[in-house]
Amino acid sequence: MRIREQDIEALGANGHATARAEAQAVADLLRQALHRLGFTPDVPHGVEGGELYWPTLRGELTVSGYPLVALGRIPLDSANRLADVLMRAALEEQTKNAASA
């Protein structure tokens, strides 16, 4: 399939603007949450470890206009810490659900 000029222009249409804004808002919420957890946004080249960095987060649209959040790469130490935080949150949520059932 060949992308035409009008296809590119359609991405900027009002219908897609709302979807793009939603995706960007979710990416911003993720940035805020990661910041509160001690992650920083800038990954210097050749990072040795110690600091926690969040991945590049972008609110985007697919070619068909479906909103999504793209997550970039982060150093292994940061990924391990993020996985630990998410696992703790998941276990806490499971404990809350079990207690309320």
Protein backbone atom coordinates (compact mmCIF):
# COMPACT_ATOMS: atom_id res chain seq x y z
CA MET A 1 0.00 0.00 0.00
CA ARG A 2 1.33 3.39 -0.92
CA ILE A 3 0.80 6.32 1.45
CA ARG A 4 -0.53 9.33 -0.40
CA GLU A 5 -0.37 13.00 0.53
CA GLN A 6 -4.05 13.05 1.54
CA ASP A 7 -3.39 10.08 3.87
CA ILE A 8 -0.71 12.08 5.64
CA GLU A 9 -2.99 15.12 5.87
CA ALA A 10 -5.79 12.94 7.28
CA LEU A 11 -3.60 12.16 10.29
CA GLY A 12 -3.89 15.78 11.33
CA ALA A 13 -7.69 15.81 11.02
CA ASN A 14 -9.86 16.60 14.06
CA GLY A 15 -10.87 12.98 14.55
CA HIS A 16 -7.26 11.96 14.90
CA ALA A 17 -6.34 14.99 16.99
CA THR A 18 -8.47 13.70 19.87
CA ALA A 19 -6.93 10.23 19.70
CA ARG A 20 -3.42 11.72 19.55
CA ALA A 21 -4.17 13.97 22.54
CA GLU A 22 -5.43 10.98 24.54
CA ALA A 23 -2.29 8.99 23.78
CA GLN A 24 -0.08 11.95 24.70
CA ALA A 25 -1.99 12.42 27.97
CA VAL A 26 -1.45 8.78 28.93
CA ALA A 27 2.25 9.05 28.08
CA ASP A 28 2.42 12.13 30.32
CA LEU A 29 0.74 10.25 33.19
CA LEU A 30 3.32 7.48 32.84
CA ARG A 31 6.13 10.07 32.91
CA GLN A 32 4.70 11.58 36.10
CA ALA A 33 4.39 8.17 37.76
CA LEU A 34 7.94 7.21 36.81
CA HIS A 35 9.24 10.57 38.07
CA ARG A 36 7.55 9.98 41.44
CA LEU A 37 9.25 6.58 41.60
CA GLY A 38 12.66 8.24 41.21
CA PHE A 39 13.24 7.67 37.50
CA THR A 40 14.77 10.48 35.45
CA PRO A 41 14.01 11.26 31.80
CA ASP A 42 17.46 11.61 30.26
CA VAL A 43 19.54 8.50 29.56
CA PRO A 44 23.15 9.56 28.98
CA HIS A 45 25.19 7.63 26.44
CA GLY A 46 27.19 4.80 28.02
CA VAL A 47 25.29 4.81 31.30
CA GLU A 48 27.04 2.67 33.92
CA GLY A 49 24.13 2.16 36.31
CA GLY A 50 23.04 3.52 39.64
CA GLU A 51 20.62 6.06 38.26
CA LEU A 52 17.13 5.03 37.20
CA TYR A 53 15.93 6.19 33.79
CA TRP A 54 12.53 5.94 32.20
CA PRO A 55 12.05 4.89 28.60
CA THR A 56 11.19 7.33 25.86
CA LEU A 57 7.41 7.69 26.03
CA ARG A 58 5.50 9.02 23.06
CA GLY A 59 1.78 9.33 22.49
CA GLU A 60 1.29 8.31 18.87
CA LEU A 61 -1.25 7.09 16.35
CA THR A 62 -1.17 4.08 14.10
CA VAL A 63 -1.66 4.70 10.38
CA SER A 64 -5.35 3.93 10.87
CA GLY A 65 -5.60 6.53 13.65
CA TYR A 66 -5.61 4.16 16.65
CA PRO A 67 -3.96 5.80 19.71
CA LEU A 68 -1.02 4.10 21.40
CA VAL A 69 1.88 4.89 23.69
CA ALA A 70 5.32 3.94 22.42
CA LEU A 71 7.88 2.95 25.06
CA GLY A 72 11.53 3.16 24.15
CA ARG A 73 14.54 1.32 25.55
CA ILE A 74 15.99 1.80 29.04
CA PRO A 75 19.11 0.46 30.79
CA LEU A 76 18.81 -2.99 32.38
CA ASP A 77 19.05 -1.64 35.95
CA SER A 78 16.12 0.69 35.29
CA ALA A 79 14.13 -2.10 33.63
CA ASN A 80 14.73 -4.36 36.63
CA ARG A 81 13.59 -1.64 39.03
CA LEU A 82 10.52 -0.90 36.92
CA ALA A 83 9.63 -4.61 36.81
CA ASP A 84 10.03 -4.78 40.60
CA VAL A 85 7.75 -1.77 41.14
CA LEU A 86 5.11 -3.17 38.78
CA MET A 87 5.25 -6.62 40.42
CA ARG A 88 4.79 -5.08 43.88
CA ALA A 89 1.84 -3.03 42.61
CA ALA A 90 0.28 -6.13 41.05
CA LEU A 91 0.69 -8.13 44.27
CA GLU A 92 -0.78 -5.25 46.29
CA GLU A 93 -3.75 -5.09 43.92
CA GLN A 94 -4.28 -8.86 44.21
CA THR A 95 -4.15 -8.61 48.01
CA LYS A 96 -6.75 -5.80 47.99
CA ASN A 97 -9.03 -7.80 45.70
CA ALA A 98 -8.71 -10.94 47.84
CA ALA A 99 -9.44 -8.98 51.02
CA SER A 100 -12.54 -7.36 49.56
CA ALA A 101 -13.94 -10.62 48.15
